[in-house]
C-alpha atoms as a PDB file:
ATOM      1  CA  MET A   1      78.145 -72.000  17.544  1.00  0.00           C
ATOM      2  CA  PRO A   2      74.735 -73.725  17.607  1.00  0.00           C
ATOM      3  CA  ALA A   3      74.154 -76.684  19.926  1.00  0.00           C
ATOM      4  CA  PRO A   4      74.506 -80.108  18.276  1.00  0.00           C
ATOM      5  CA  LYS A   5      71.282 -81.681  17.054  1.00  0.00           C
ATOM      6  CA  ILE A   6      69.929 -84.815  18.725  1.00  0.00           C
ATOM      7  CA  PHE A   7      67.730 -87.208  16.775  1.00  0.00           C
ATOM      8  CA  VAL A   8      65.007 -88.943  18.792  1.00  0.00           C
ATOM      9  CA  ASP A   9      63.797 -92.458  18.045  1.00  0.00           C
ATOM     10  CA  THR A  10      60.126 -93.311  18.425  1.00  0.00           C
ATOM     11  CA  ASN A  11      60.471 -95.386  21.586  1.00  0.00           C
ATOM     12  CA  ILE A  12      61.711 -92.429  23.646  1.00  0.00           C
ATOM     13  CA  LEU A  13      58.709 -90.336  22.600  1.00  0.00           C
ATOM     14  CA  VAL A  14      56.302 -93.197  23.297  1.00  0.00           C
ATOM     15  CA  TYR A  15      57.629 -93.595  26.847  1.00  0.00           C
ATOM     16  CA  ALA A  16      57.248 -89.837  27.409  1.00  0.00           C
ATOM     17  CA  HIS A  17      53.499 -90.125  26.728  1.00  0.00           C
ATOM     18  CA  ASP A  18      52.761 -93.596  28.144  1.00  0.00           C
ATOM     19  CA  THR A  19      51.255 -93.136  31.604  1.00  0.00           C
ATOM     20  CA  THR A  20      52.076 -96.774  32.470  1.00  0.00           C
ATOM     21  CA  ALA A  21      55.820 -96.487  31.713  1.00  0.00           C
ATOM     22  CA  GLY A  22      56.888 -95.597  35.274  1.00  0.00           C
ATOM     23  CA  ARG A  23      60.488 -94.449  35.652  1.00  0.00           C
ATOM     24  CA  LYS A  24      61.084 -94.636  31.896  1.00  0.00           C
ATOM     25  CA  ARG A  25      58.314 -92.077  31.425  1.00  0.00           C
ATOM     26  CA  GLU A  26      60.000 -89.680  33.844  1.00  0.00           C
ATOM     27  CA  ILE A  27      63.382 -90.051  32.151  1.00  0.00           C
ATOM     28  CA  ALA A  28      61.918 -89.723  28.646  1.00  0.00           C
ATOM     29  CA  LYS A  29      59.858 -86.663  29.583  1.00  0.00           C
ATOM     30  CA  GLU A  30      62.931 -84.978  31.046  1.00  0.00           C
ATOM     31  CA  ALA A  31      65.017 -85.757  27.943  1.00  0.00           C
ATOM     32  CA  ILE A  32      62.303 -84.420  25.615  1.00  0.00           C
ATOM     33  CA  LEU A  33      61.852 -81.283  27.725  1.00  0.00           C
ATOM     34  CA  ASP A  34      65.601 -80.631  27.542  1.00  0.00           C
ATOM     35  CA  LEU A  35      65.427 -80.925  23.747  1.00  0.00           C
ATOM     36  CA  TRP A  36      62.489 -78.510  23.614  1.00  0.00           C
ATOM     37  CA  ASN A  37      64.323 -75.988  25.782  1.00  0.00           C
ATOM     38  CA  SER A  38      67.582 -76.253  23.844  1.00  0.00           C
ATOM     39  CA  GLU A  39      65.811 -76.437  20.454  1.00  0.00           C
ATOM     40  CA  THR A  40      68.057 -79.331  19.451  1.00  0.00           C
ATOM     41  CA  GLY A  41      65.523 -82.123  18.812  1.00  0.00           C
ATOM     42  CA  VAL A  42      65.244 -83.723  15.379  1.00  0.00           C
ATOM     43  CA  LEU A  43      62.733 -86.299  14.101  1.00  0.00           C
ATOM     44  CA  SER A  44      61.725 -87.927  10.849  1.00  0.00           C
ATOM     45  CA  THR A  45      58.433 -88.640   9.169  1.00  0.00           C
ATOM     46  CA  GLN A  46      58.982 -92.293  10.112  1.00  0.00           C
ATOM     47  CA  VAL A  47      59.187 -91.369  13.809  1.00  0.00           C
ATOM     48  CA  LEU A  48      56.009 -89.280  13.625  1.00  0.00           C
ATOM     49  CA  GLN A  49      54.132 -92.089  11.864  1.00  0.00           C
ATOM     50  CA  GLU A  50      55.308 -94.750  14.307  1.00  0.00           C
ATOM     51  CA  LEU A  51      54.533 -92.481  17.260  1.00  0.00           C
ATOM     52  CA  TYR A  52      50.949 -91.941  16.146  1.00  0.00           C
ATOM     53  CA  VAL A  53      50.330 -95.678  15.725  1.00  0.00           C
ATOM     54  CA  SER A  54      51.999 -96.499  19.050  1.00  0.00           C
ATOM     55  CA  LEU A  55      50.084 -93.850  21.012  1.00  0.00           C
ATOM     56  CA  THR A  56      46.710 -94.826  19.556  1.00  0.00           C
ATOM     57  CA  GLN A  57      47.094 -98.606  19.288  1.00  0.00           C
ATOM     58  CA  LYS A  58      50.065-100.095  21.128  1.00  0.00           C
ATOM     59  CA  ILE A  59      50.404 -98.580  24.603  1.00  0.00           C
ATOM     60  CA  PRO A  60      48.336-100.052  27.470  1.00  0.00           C
ATOM     61  CA  SER A  61      46.172 -96.912  27.771  1.00  0.00           C
ATOM     62  CA  PRO A  62      45.904 -95.672  24.175  1.00  0.00           C
ATOM     63  CA  LEU A  63      45.210 -92.032  23.387  1.00  0.00           C
ATOM     64  CA  ASP A  64      42.380 -91.018  21.124  1.00  0.00           C
ATOM     65  CA  GLY A  65      43.284 -89.781  17.662  1.00  0.00           C
ATOM     66  CA  LYS A  66      42.675 -86.124  18.532  1.00  0.00           C
ATOM     67  CA  ASN A  67      45.101 -86.119  21.479  1.00  0.00           C
ATOM     68  CA  ALA A  68      47.725 -88.109  19.589  1.00  0.00           C
ATOM     69  CA  ARG A  69      47.410 -85.697  16.669  1.00  0.00           C
ATOM     70  CA  ALA A  70      47.996 -82.741  18.999  1.00  0.00           C
ATOM     71  CA  ILE A  71      51.247 -84.334  20.222  1.00  0.00           C
ATOM     72  CA  ILE A  72      52.372 -84.962  16.635  1.00  0.00           C
ATOM     73  CA  GLU A  73      51.458 -81.402  15.658  1.00  0.00           C
ATOM     74  CA  ASP A  74      53.554 -80.011  18.530  1.00  0.00           C
ATOM     75  CA  LEU A  75      56.520 -82.149  17.498  1.00  0.00           C
ATOM     76  CA  CYS A  76      56.261 -80.779  13.957  1.00  0.00           C
ATOM     77  CA  ALA A  77      57.857 -77.612  15.387  1.00  0.00           C
ATOM     78  CA  TRP A  78      61.112 -79.596  15.513  1.00  0.00           C
ATOM     79  CA  LYS A  79      63.266 -80.217  12.467  1.00  0.00           C
ATOM     80  CA  VAL A  80      61.553 -83.114  10.652  1.00  0.00           C
ATOM     81  CA  MET A  81      63.463 -85.129   8.073  1.00  0.00           C
ATOM     82  CA  VAL A  82      61.499 -86.561   5.154  1.00  0.00           C
ATOM     83  CA  ASN A  83      62.561 -90.036   4.070  1.00  0.00           C
ATOM     84  CA  ASP A  84      62.808 -89.837   0.300  1.00  0.00           C
ATOM     85  CA  GLU A  85      63.950 -92.498  -2.153  1.00  0.00           C
ATOM     86  CA  GLN A  86      67.638 -91.678  -1.603  1.00  0.00           C
ATOM     87  CA  ALA A  87      67.213 -92.067   2.160  1.00  0.00           C
ATOM     88  CA  VAL A  88      65.644 -95.495   1.627  1.00  0.00           C
ATOM     89  CA  LEU A  89      68.528 -96.621  -0.590  1.00  0.00           C
ATOM     90  CA  ALA A  90      71.121 -95.292   1.856  1.00  0.00           C
ATOM     91  CA  ALA A  91      69.317 -97.081   4.717  1.00  0.00           C
ATOM     92  CA  ILE A  92      69.576-100.341   2.794  1.00  0.00           C
ATOM     93  CA  ASP A  93      73.327 -99.779   2.507  1.00  0.00           C
ATOM     94  CA  LEU A  94      73.555 -99.125   6.267  1.00  0.00           C
ATOM     95  CA  GLN A  95      71.551-102.262   6.976  1.00  0.00           C
ATOM     96  CA  VAL A  96      73.910-104.380   4.916  1.00  0.00           C
ATOM     97  CA  GLN A  97      77.066-102.739   6.275  1.00  0.00           C
ATOM     98  CA  TYR A  98      76.141-102.743   9.973  1.00  0.00           C
ATOM     99  CA  ARG A  99      73.719-105.691  10.056  1.00  0.00           C
ATOM    100  CA  LEU A 100      70.935-103.632  11.622  1.00  0.00           C
ATOM    101  CA  SER A 101      67.208-103.824  11.058  1.00  0.00           C
ATOM    102  CA  PHE A 102      66.027-101.850   8.061  1.00  0.00           C
ATOM    103  CA  TRP A 103      63.871 -99.593  10.279  1.00  0.00           C
ATOM    104  CA  ASP A 104      66.797 -98.787  12.595  1.00  0.00           C
ATOM    105  CA  SER A 105      68.917 -98.130   9.514  1.00  0.00           C
ATOM    106  CA  LEU A 106      66.305 -95.697   8.204  1.00  0.00           C
ATOM    107  CA  ILE A 107      66.334 -93.886  11.576  1.00  0.00           C
ATOM    108  CA  LEU A 108      70.138 -93.677  11.417  1.00  0.00           C
ATOM    109  CA  GLU A 109      70.056 -92.382   7.862  1.00  0.00           C
ATOM    110  CA  ALA A 110      67.552 -89.666   8.776  1.00  0.00           C
ATOM    111  CA  ALA A 111      69.748 -88.732  11.753  1.00  0.00           C
ATOM    112  CA  ARG A 112      72.820 -88.607   9.515  1.00  0.00           C
ATOM    113  CA  ARG A 113      71.076 -86.431   6.932  1.00  0.00           C
ATOM    114  CA  SER A 114      69.850 -84.054   9.641  1.00  0.00           C
ATOM    115  CA  GLY A 115      73.379 -83.404  10.855  1.00  0.00           C
ATOM    116  CA  ALA A 116      72.610 -84.871  14.287  1.00  0.00           C
ATOM    117  CA  THR A 117      75.607 -86.005  16.292  1.00  0.00           C
ATOM    118  CA  MET A 118      73.580 -88.109  18.714  1.00  0.00           C
ATOM    119  CA  LEU A 119      70.620 -90.490  18.528  1.00  0.00           C
ATOM    120  CA  TYR A 120      68.427 -91.167  21.562  1.00  0.00           C
ATOM    121  CA  SER A 121      67.193 -94.740  21.208  1.00  0.00           C
ATOM    122  CA  GLU A 122      66.515 -97.811  23.267  1.00  0.00           C
ATOM    123  CA  ASP A 123      66.771-100.081  20.226  1.00  0.00           C
ATOM    124  CA  LEU A 124      70.467 -99.741  19.394  1.00  0.00           C
ATOM    125  CA  SER A 125      73.600-100.370  21.462  1.00  0.00           C
ATOM    126  CA  HIS A 126      74.271 -97.618  23.990  1.00  0.00           C
ATOM    127  CA  GLY A 127      77.584 -95.903  23.244  1.00  0.00           C
ATOM    128  CA  GLN A 128      77.864 -97.320  19.726  1.00  0.00           C
ATOM    129  CA  GLN A 129      79.025 -94.949  16.970  1.00  0.00           C
ATOM    130  CA  VAL A 130      77.503 -95.342  13.519  1.00  0.00           C
ATOM    131  CA  GLU A 131      78.373 -92.977  10.687  1.00  0.00           C
ATOM    132  CA  GLY A 132      79.519 -90.322  13.172  1.00  0.00           C
ATOM    133  CA  ILE A 133      76.366 -90.587  15.284  1.00  0.00           C
ATOM    134  CA  LYS A 134      76.655 -91.615  18.929  1.00  0.00           C
ATOM    135  CA  ILE A 135      73.832 -93.847  20.162  1.00  0.00           C
ATOM    136  CA  VAL A 136      72.571 -92.870  23.617  1.00  0.00           C
ATOM    137  CA  ASN A 137      70.018 -94.877  25.559  1.00  0.00           C
ATOM    138  CA  PRO A 138      68.708 -92.299  28.065  1.00  0.00           C
ATOM    139  CA  PHE A 139      67.683 -95.114  30.387  1.00  0.00           C
ATOM    140  CA  ASN A 140      71.311 -96.344  30.664  1.00  0.00           C
ATOM    141  CA  THR A 141      72.877 -93.060  31.712  1.00  0.00           C
END
């Protein structure tokens, strides 16, 4: 039986590449390495887009476009969910039902569609279950 898939939110990936993130960087890098080794990591186009912008514009020591692109290209080896029109509509339903932000709802919908059983995120409540997906904040464990 294959290992369960784990969806990764943007913030975990940003910490893994932010040289100023201290202990969070260490934890995030370890979590990402485990996902590489187990081949269980899942992302979405939204995560890749947000990661590029964060790495090149939002972290204290931004990466240049070429280095950020190389990171994104590597992550494209993972299963990447494309957010189509049905995903957007389903995310709206999740937002209304669970009173989450639309962007978090879109992450959850991509995770649900991927078959992931867990979502690594700092943005949602650690331990919460949404649509069969357990939210795990790697920094709380």
